Amino acid sequence: MDYQKNTRDIWIDTLLNTSERILKHLTKKEELNKKEQELQDLCAGFIYLHGICEDKEMLNEPDTELFENVTIH
């Protein structure tokens, strides 16, 4: 049986890709203002924590489907 991505997995993958794009953009800038520094830290932190979750296989199991009925804004 093939594993099908659920809403949680799609949401996390999208957030990871967005964080990587933002971090690449910000690291190209010579100077960052305070908000950009905070955003850079937030993105780097998410990428780091996602890596830990992947290493520990915390995201390998299907979600409880809680996110199927919830819209996150």
Protein backbone atom coordinates (compact mmCIF):
# COMPACT_ATOMS: atom_id res chain seq x y z
CA MET A 1 0.00 0.00 0.00
CA ASP A 2 1.45 3.36 -1.02
CA TYR A 3 1.57 6.14 1.51
CA GLN A 4 -0.46 9.14 0.40
CA LYS A 5 0.46 12.56 1.75
CA ASN A 6 -2.18 14.08 3.97
CA THR A 7 -2.85 17.72 4.72
CA ARG A 8 -0.23 17.83 7.49
CA ASP A 9 2.50 16.52 5.21
CA ILE A 10 1.59 18.91 2.40
CA TRP A 11 1.50 21.84 4.85
CA ILE A 12 4.89 20.94 6.35
CA ASP A 13 6.48 20.41 2.90
CA THR A 14 5.16 23.77 1.70
CA LEU A 15 6.44 25.51 4.83
CA LEU A 16 9.85 23.84 4.44
CA ASN A 17 10.15 24.90 0.79
CA THR A 18 9.04 28.44 1.60
CA SER A 19 11.49 28.65 4.52
CA GLU A 20 14.35 27.48 2.30
CA ARG A 21 13.51 30.03 -0.42
CA ILE A 22 13.27 32.89 2.09
CA LEU A 23 16.52 31.87 3.78
CA LYS A 24 18.36 31.73 0.43
CA HIS A 25 17.03 35.19 -0.44
CA LEU A 26 17.98 36.71 2.91
CA THR A 27 21.48 35.23 2.95
CA LYS A 28 22.21 37.01 -0.35
CA LYS A 29 21.52 40.41 1.20
CA GLU A 30 24.46 42.37 2.57
CA GLU A 31 22.50 43.82 5.49
CA LEU A 32 19.32 42.74 7.18
CA ASN A 33 16.97 44.89 9.20
CA LYS A 34 15.59 43.59 12.51
CA LYS A 35 12.48 42.01 10.95
CA GLU A 36 14.56 40.27 8.28
CA GLN A 37 16.94 38.93 10.94
CA GLU A 38 13.98 37.58 12.91
CA LEU A 39 12.54 35.98 9.77
CA GLN A 40 15.94 34.48 8.95
CA ASP A 41 16.16 32.98 12.47
CA LEU A 42 12.61 31.65 12.26
CA CYS A 43 13.19 29.98 8.88
CA ALA A 44 16.53 28.51 9.94
CA GLY A 45 14.96 27.22 13.15
CA PHE A 46 12.11 25.53 11.27
CA ILE A 47 14.52 23.91 8.81
CA TYR A 48 16.69 22.71 11.70
CA LEU A 49 13.75 21.26 13.65
CA HIS A 50 12.35 19.64 10.52
CA GLY A 51 15.71 17.93 10.02
CA ILE A 52 15.64 16.59 13.57
CA CYS A 53 12.10 15.28 13.05
CA GLU A 54 13.18 13.59 9.81
CA ASP A 55 16.26 12.03 11.46
CA LYS A 56 14.12 10.64 14.28
CA GLU A 57 11.44 9.55 11.78
CA MET A 58 8.78 11.48 13.67
CA LEU A 59 6.95 12.41 10.48
CA ASN A 60 6.97 8.95 8.89
CA GLU A 61 3.70 7.83 10.42
CA PRO A 62 0.47 9.11 8.91
CA ASP A 63 -1.19 11.92 10.78
CA THR A 64 -4.24 11.26 12.93
CA GLU A 65 -6.07 13.23 10.23
CA LEU A 66 -6.79 16.03 12.67
CA PHE A 67 -5.58 18.45 10.02
CA GLU A 68 -8.00 17.10 7.43
CA ASN A 69 -10.83 19.05 9.03
CA VAL A 70 -8.91 22.12 10.15
CA THR A 71 -7.86 25.15 8.15
CA ILE A 72 -4.63 26.73 9.38
CA HIS A 73 -4.10 30.42 8.69
